[in-house]
Protein backbone atom coordinates (compact mmCIF):
# COMPACT_ATOMS: atom_id res chain seq x y z
CA MET A 1 -47.56 15.73 52.45
CA ILE A 2 -47.43 15.69 48.64
CA MET A 3 -43.66 16.27 48.74
CA LYS A 4 -43.15 13.38 51.18
CA LYS A 5 -45.29 11.09 49.01
CA GLY A 6 -43.35 12.10 45.89
CA ALA A 7 -40.03 11.48 47.66
CA ALA A 8 -41.20 8.03 48.74
CA ILE A 9 -42.23 7.13 45.19
CA PHE A 10 -38.86 8.34 43.86
CA LEU A 11 -37.03 6.23 46.47
CA VAL A 12 -39.00 3.13 45.47
CA LEU A 13 -38.22 3.71 41.80
CA CYS A 14 -34.49 4.07 42.58
CA LEU A 15 -34.50 0.81 44.55
CA MET A 16 -36.27 -0.98 41.69
CA SER A 17 -33.70 0.35 39.23
CA LEU A 18 -30.85 -0.78 41.48
CA LEU A 19 -32.32 -4.29 41.81
CA ALA A 20 -32.70 -4.53 38.04
CA ALA A 21 -29.07 -3.54 37.54
CA CYS A 22 -27.89 -6.15 40.05
CA SER A 23 -29.99 -8.77 38.31
CA SER A 24 -28.38 -7.96 34.93
CA ALA A 25 -24.90 -8.22 36.44
CA GLY A 26 -25.76 -11.55 38.01
CA ASN A 27 -26.90 -12.87 34.66
CA GLY A 28 -23.44 -12.08 33.19
CA GLU A 29 -24.71 -9.66 30.52
CA GLN A 30 -21.96 -7.96 28.55
CA PRO A 31 -22.00 -4.30 27.48
CA SER A 32 -22.73 -3.52 23.87
CA PRO A 33 -19.95 -2.46 21.46
CA ALA A 34 -21.18 1.11 21.79
CA GLN A 35 -20.81 0.92 25.59
CA THR A 36 -17.37 -0.64 25.13
CA ALA A 37 -16.32 2.22 22.88
CA ALA A 38 -17.62 4.77 25.36
CA LEU A 39 -15.65 3.15 28.18
CA THR A 40 -12.51 2.97 26.04
CA LYS A 41 -12.50 6.68 25.37
CA GLU A 42 -12.44 7.49 29.08
CA LEU A 43 -9.29 5.53 29.86
CA ILE A 44 -6.23 7.13 28.37
CA LEU A 45 -5.61 10.84 28.75
CA PRO A 46 -7.66 14.01 29.24
CA GLU A 47 -8.83 15.51 25.95
CA SER A 48 -7.40 18.88 25.01
CA GLY A 49 -6.74 20.75 21.82
CA GLU A 50 -8.61 20.55 18.54
CA THR A 51 -7.93 18.60 15.36
CA GLU A 52 -7.89 19.51 11.75
CA LYS A 53 -8.42 16.70 9.24
CA GLY A 54 -5.94 15.93 6.51
CA THR A 55 -5.00 12.93 4.36
CA SER A 56 -2.04 10.58 3.96
CA ALA A 57 -1.27 7.15 2.46
CA GLU A 58 -1.14 3.63 4.06
CA GLY A 59 -0.76 4.90 6.36
CA GLU A 60 -2.00 7.08 3.49
CA ARG A 61 -5.39 7.25 5.01
CA THR A 62 -7.16 10.14 6.73
CA GLU A 63 -5.00 11.66 9.43
CA GLU A 64 -5.46 14.41 11.97
CA VAL A 65 -2.92 17.22 12.26
CA LEU A 66 -2.97 18.19 15.88
CA SER A 67 -3.13 21.72 17.19
CA GLY A 68 -3.97 23.37 20.48
CA ASN A 69 -2.14 23.38 23.81
CA PRO A 70 -1.00 20.17 25.55
CA ALA A 71 -3.02 19.06 28.56
CA ALA A 72 -1.55 20.47 31.73
CA GLU A 73 -2.11 17.38 33.85
CA ASN A 74 0.27 14.53 33.07
CA SER A 75 1.67 13.39 36.42
CA SER A 76 2.91 9.93 37.29
CA ALA A 77 0.15 9.66 39.90
CA LYS A 78 -2.45 10.22 37.19
CA ALA A 79 -0.79 7.63 34.95
CA GLU A 80 -0.96 5.07 37.77
CA LYS A 81 -4.61 5.90 38.34
CA GLU A 82 -5.37 5.44 34.64
CA THR A 83 -3.48 2.14 34.54
CA GLY A 84 -5.66 0.93 37.38
CA SER A 85 -8.77 2.04 35.50
CA GLU A 86 -7.64 0.12 32.43
CA SER A 87 -7.08 -3.01 34.50
CA GLU A 88 -10.57 -2.72 36.00
CA TRP A 89 -12.03 -2.09 32.54
CA ASN A 90 -10.40 -5.19 31.07
CA ASN A 91 -11.60 -7.31 33.99
CA GLU A 92 -15.17 -6.01 33.79
CA ILE A 93 -15.83 -6.37 30.08
CA GLY A 94 -14.92 -8.88 27.41
CA ALA A 95 -13.35 -8.01 24.09
CA ASP A 96 -15.83 -7.83 21.22
CA PHE A 97 -14.06 -9.43 18.28
CA THR A 98 -16.82 -8.35 15.90
CA TYR A 99 -16.33 -4.68 16.75
CA ASP A 100 -13.98 -2.40 14.78
CA TYR A 101 -11.79 -0.63 17.35
CA SER A 102 -10.02 1.53 14.74
CA GLU A 103 -11.81 4.76 15.63
CA ASP A 104 -11.35 4.12 19.35
CA ILE A 105 -7.64 3.56 18.79
CA LYS A 106 -7.40 6.75 16.75
CA ALA A 107 -9.12 8.70 19.54
CA ASP A 108 -6.71 7.19 22.07
CA ILE A 109 -3.69 8.20 19.97
CA ASP A 110 -5.06 11.74 19.51
CA ARG A 111 -5.34 12.11 23.27
CA ALA A 112 -1.85 10.68 23.76
CA VAL A 113 -0.43 13.25 21.32
CA SER A 114 -2.30 16.27 22.68
CA GLY A 115 -1.84 15.30 26.32
CA SER A 116 1.90 14.54 26.28
CA THR A 117 4.58 16.94 27.50
CA SER A 118 7.27 15.66 25.11
CA LEU A 119 7.83 13.12 22.35
CA GLN A 120 9.41 10.77 24.89
CA ASN A 121 6.29 11.05 27.04
CA GLU A 122 4.10 10.58 23.96
CA LEU A 123 5.74 7.27 23.03
CA GLU A 124 5.40 6.10 26.64
CA ASN A 125 1.68 6.86 26.47
CA VAL A 126 1.34 4.98 23.18
CA GLU A 127 3.05 1.99 24.82
CA THR A 128 0.36 2.18 27.53
CA ILE A 129 -2.35 2.16 24.87
CA SER A 130 -0.73 -0.91 23.31
CA GLN A 131 -0.67 -2.67 26.69
CA LYS A 132 -4.37 -1.92 27.17
CA TYR A 133 -5.42 -3.47 23.86
CA ASN A 134 -3.01 -6.34 24.39
CA LEU A 135 -4.97 -7.27 27.52
CA LEU A 136 -8.10 -7.41 25.38
CA ALA A 137 -6.29 -9.43 22.72
CA GLU A 138 -5.32 -12.02 25.34
CA LYS A 139 -9.01 -12.88 25.70
CA ALA A 140 -9.03 -14.37 22.18
CA GLN A 141 -10.10 -18.03 22.16
CA SER A 142 -10.03 -19.01 18.47
CA GLN A 143 -7.53 -18.47 15.67
CA SER A 144 -9.99 -16.11 14.01
CA GLU A 145 -10.16 -13.97 17.15
CA MET A 146 -6.36 -14.00 17.44
CA ASN A 147 -6.09 -12.82 13.84
CA THR A 148 -8.57 -10.02 14.51
CA SER A 149 -7.03 -8.79 17.77
CA SER A 150 -3.48 -8.87 16.39
CA LYS A 151 -4.62 -6.25 13.86
CA TRP A 152 -5.58 -3.85 16.69
CA LEU A 153 -2.00 -3.82 17.98
CA PHE A 154 -0.61 -3.07 14.52
CA VAL A 155 -3.17 -0.28 13.96
CA ILE A 156 -1.99 1.45 17.17
CA TRP A 157 1.55 1.92 15.88
CA ASP A 158 0.47 2.56 12.29
CA THR A 159 -1.74 5.41 13.53
CA GLU A 160 1.06 6.83 15.69
CA LEU A 161 3.55 6.61 12.82
CA ASN A 162 1.24 8.61 10.58
CA THR A 163 0.72 11.36 13.14
CA LEU A 164 4.50 11.59 13.60
CA TRP A 165 5.05 11.80 9.86
CA ASN A 166 2.52 14.64 9.52
CA ARG A 167 4.28 16.68 12.20
CA PHE A 168 7.73 15.86 10.86
CA SER A 169 6.72 16.93 7.33
CA ASN A 170 5.43 20.24 8.66
CA SER A 171 8.56 20.92 10.75
CA ALA A 172 11.62 19.62 8.87
CA ASP A 173 13.69 21.67 6.44
CA GLN A 174 13.62 20.51 2.84
CA GLN A 175 16.93 18.61 2.89
CA THR A 176 16.14 16.74 6.11
CA LYS A 177 12.66 15.94 4.86
CA GLU A 178 13.99 14.53 1.57
CA ASN A 179 16.56 12.32 3.37
CA ILE A 180 14.04 10.84 5.80
CA LEU A 181 11.37 10.58 3.10
CA ALA A 182 13.72 8.45 0.98
CA ASP A 183 14.27 6.07 3.90
CA GLN A 184 10.54 6.00 4.65
CA ARG A 185 9.66 5.15 1.04
CA ASN A 186 12.28 2.39 0.98
CA TRP A 187 10.91 0.99 4.24
CA ILE A 188 7.38 0.90 2.81
CA SER A 189 8.57 -0.69 -0.44
CA MET A 190 10.50 -3.43 1.35
CA LYS A 191 7.74 -4.47 3.76
CA GLU A 192 6.15 -7.12 1.55
CA GLU A 193 9.53 -8.64 0.73
CA ALA A 194 10.47 -8.55 4.43
CA ILE A 195 7.29 -10.44 5.33
CA LEU A 196 8.10 -13.14 2.78
CA GLU A 197 11.69 -13.51 4.05
CA THR A 198 10.80 -13.67 7.75
CA ILE A 199 7.37 -15.36 7.82
CA GLY A 200 6.96 -17.05 4.47
CA SER A 201 3.86 -17.32 2.33
CA ASP A 202 0.17 -17.68 3.13
CA GLU A 203 0.26 -21.29 1.93
CA GLU A 204 3.11 -22.17 4.30
CA ASN A 205 1.38 -20.81 7.43
CA GLY A 206 -2.32 -21.57 6.93
CA SER A 207 -4.88 -19.90 9.19
CA MET A 208 -2.15 -18.39 11.42
CA TYR A 209 -0.80 -16.27 8.58
CA PRO A 210 -2.80 -13.05 9.30
CA MET A 211 -1.75 -13.15 12.97
CA LEU A 212 1.93 -13.67 12.10
CA VAL A 213 1.88 -10.84 9.55
CA ASN A 214 0.14 -8.45 11.96
CA ALA A 215 2.62 -9.27 14.73
CA PHE A 216 5.55 -8.61 12.39
CA LEU A 217 4.01 -5.36 11.12
CA GLU A 218 3.34 -4.26 14.70
CA GLU A 219 7.00 -4.81 15.59
CA ILE A 220 8.56 -3.05 12.62
CA THR A 221 6.03 -0.19 12.66
CA ARG A 222 6.71 0.39 16.35
CA ASN A 223 10.43 0.49 15.58
CA ARG A 224 9.85 2.93 12.73
CA ALA A 225 7.73 5.17 14.99
CA TYR A 226 10.67 5.47 17.40
CA VAL A 227 13.06 6.30 14.55
CA LEU A 228 10.77 9.06 13.29
CA ALA A 229 10.06 10.38 16.80
CA ASN A 230 13.83 10.64 17.32
CA GLU A 231 14.20 12.69 14.12
CA LEU A 232 11.30 14.96 15.11
CA ALA A 233 12.79 15.43 18.60
CA LYS A 234 16.01 16.72 17.00
CA ILE A 235 14.02 19.35 15.10
CA LYS A 236 12.10 20.37 18.22
CA GLY A 237 15.25 20.52 20.33
CA GLU A 238 14.02 17.79 22.69
CA SER A 239 16.07 15.04 24.26
CA PHE A 240 14.95 11.59 23.20
CA VAL A 241 16.25 8.19 24.28
CA MET A 242 15.81 5.30 21.87
CA PRO A 243 14.86 1.97 23.48
CA GLU A 244 17.47 -0.77 23.49
CA ARG A 245 17.34 -2.78 20.29
CA SER A 246 16.58 -6.49 20.70
CA LYS A 247 18.98 -9.14 19.43
CA TYR A 248 16.00 -10.49 17.48
CA GLY A 249 14.95 -8.75 14.29
CA LEU A 250 15.52 -8.14 10.62
CA PHE A 251 18.51 -6.24 9.25
CA VAL A 252 19.02 -5.76 5.52
CA ASP A 253 21.34 -4.36 2.88
CA ASN A 254 19.05 -2.50 0.51
CA GLN A 255 21.84 -0.51 -1.19
CA GLY A 256 19.80 2.65 -0.75
CA THR A 257 16.81 1.30 -2.68
CA GLY A 258 13.37 -0.14 -1.98
CA SER A 259 14.58 -3.72 -2.52
CA ILE A 260 16.32 -6.21 -0.23
CA TYR A 261 19.64 -7.44 -1.56
CA SER A 262 21.05 -9.23 1.49
CA SER A 263 19.43 -9.92 4.86
CA LEU A 264 20.13 -11.08 8.39
CA PHE A 265 17.19 -12.35 10.42
CA THR A 266 17.48 -13.50 14.04
CA ARG A 267 14.68 -15.01 16.12
CA LYS A 268 13.76 -17.38 18.95
CA GLY A 269 12.96 -20.71 17.29
CA GLU A 270 10.06 -23.01 18.11
CA SER A 271 12.46 -25.39 19.87
CA GLY A 272 13.74 -22.56 22.06
CA ASP A 273 17.06 -22.17 20.22
CA ASP A 274 18.25 -18.79 18.98
CA GLU A 275 18.18 -19.02 15.19
CA ALA A 276 19.72 -16.91 12.43
CA TYR A 277 19.14 -16.78 8.67
CA ILE A 278 21.79 -15.02 6.62
CA GLY A 279 21.03 -14.36 2.97
CA ILE A 280 23.89 -13.04 0.83
CA TYR A 281 23.00 -11.44 -2.50
CA ARG A 282 23.55 -13.76 -5.47
CA LEU A 283 25.37 -16.29 -3.27
CA GLY A 284 22.94 -18.13 -1.05
CA VAL A 285 21.41 -18.52 2.41
CA VAL A 286 23.06 -19.89 5.52
CA GLU A 287 20.83 -21.09 8.37
CA GLY A 288 21.97 -21.90 11.87
CA THR A 289 21.89 -21.12 15.58
CA PHE A 290 23.74 -18.62 17.71
CA VAL A 291 24.93 -18.08 21.27
CA ASP A 292 24.65 -14.62 22.82
CA ASN A 293 28.07 -13.51 24.08
CA GLY A 294 26.78 -10.17 25.34
CA ASN A 295 27.35 -6.62 24.05
CA GLY A 296 25.46 -7.43 20.86
CA GLU A 297 27.90 -10.17 19.82
CA LEU A 298 26.40 -13.49 18.71
CA SER A 299 28.46 -16.60 17.89
CA PHE A 300 26.91 -18.29 14.85
CA THR A 301 27.17 -21.95 13.73
CA SER A 302 25.41 -23.19 10.62
CA ASN A 303 23.17 -26.26 10.53
CA ASP A 304 25.31 -27.94 7.85
CA SER A 305 27.11 -31.27 8.17
CA ASP A 306 30.59 -31.26 9.74
CA SER A 307 32.38 -30.87 6.41
CA ARG A 308 30.31 -27.86 5.44
CA ILE A 309 29.88 -26.02 8.74
CA VAL A 310 30.14 -22.24 8.59
CA LYS A 311 30.97 -20.28 11.73
CA GLY A 312 31.06 -16.58 12.32
CA VAL A 313 30.22 -13.62 14.51
CA ILE A 314 27.03 -11.60 14.19
CA LYS A 315 27.29 -8.10 15.58
CA ILE A 316 24.05 -6.27 16.38
CA ASN A 317 24.76 -2.54 16.19
CA GLY A 318 21.46 -1.47 17.69
CA TRP A 319 19.53 0.91 15.47
CA ASP A 320 22.50 1.19 13.08
CA GLY A 321 22.06 -2.28 11.62
CA ALA A 322 24.15 -5.43 11.96
CA SER A 323 27.10 -7.28 10.43
CA PHE A 324 28.30 -10.86 9.94
CA THR A 325 31.97 -11.83 9.88
CA VAL A 326 32.92 -15.34 8.70
CA THR A 327 35.45 -17.03 11.00
CA GLU A 328 35.36 -20.55 9.56
CA ALA A 329 34.12 -22.02 6.26
CA PRO A 330 34.86 -25.02 3.98
CA GLU A 331 37.58 -24.45 1.39
CA VAL A 332 35.21 -25.06 -1.50
CA TYR A 333 32.38 -22.70 -0.57
CA TYR A 334 30.95 -19.32 -1.49
CA LEU A 335 31.86 -17.87 1.92
CA HIS A 336 35.45 -17.45 3.09
CA ALA A 337 37.01 -16.86 6.50
CA GLY A 338 37.61 -13.16 7.12
CA GLU A 339 34.78 -11.92 4.90
CA GLU A 340 32.41 -9.37 6.43
CA PHE A 341 28.88 -8.56 5.30
CA ASN A 342 26.97 -5.50 6.47
CA PHE A 343 23.23 -5.02 6.91
CA PRO A 344 22.85 -1.29 7.67
CA PHE A 345 19.05 -0.97 7.47
CA ALA A 346 17.33 -2.07 10.70
CA PHE A 347 13.63 -2.92 10.42
């Protein structure tokens, strides 16, 4: 009799709890940042392995050098299931633009590294993480929220780049390490100059400036992560396929230094035209539009008046840089038909 009475009381309490939960959902209450963080950590990959803390720079911040065995389960069926979970998660909760997702992102990257079967698989998993946070970023309503969420997407690739560098440093022979380190230092040194050449100054862009800078840093840091993953794959004896390089981007001639001497920047303009900016060291800058002929060949025409039009061919050589060959130029001009300029460093 006592047991039946106790069971009845328990059932009543459960029903009351259920009704309260339904009431909260009906009122549109959102989970707290702590609940959001807890949900985030359950979405990516199964945890396995342990971490040992180390330090690095800007990435030169605290990093984790990963150890332990990779997670055994990494099937395509599981990936599909997790993608579905992420979609449900993004539909159920709103992004909290006052919450710092940095630690959540770091935990996601750690799981991607420890749970991947290869470097190719690891980069695929990081792309999935980026897609997840991009869905949250799309919920931004104000410029301030757009600025904040754009930083999340940059932090994802900055975190991945640092974990790759730690593993590369621990695995490469001295000569290989010195060669790649020189390129990495040059890349870091040129970033501020690259931002100025492609985006412009804070004063020119107003409140959008942080978002534009973060988007640019996300793009070039993602590209650099693939370059470093490719180098690490060579050391590990793994096959690795680089993604196809876009016709849009920044290519420079740095003459082996941390400074930009000449640059070629291609982008989709606000009007929808494909635009190119070609800066030649100590000569000047030519601005214009281009037509994509396929196979990485772009026909360029400057924006100058008829008597000063410059025409040429831009050749995008994928991850090996780009070149510009002048085919037509005014007689009295600093560019001459037949001249070729190379931009071997691809950002």
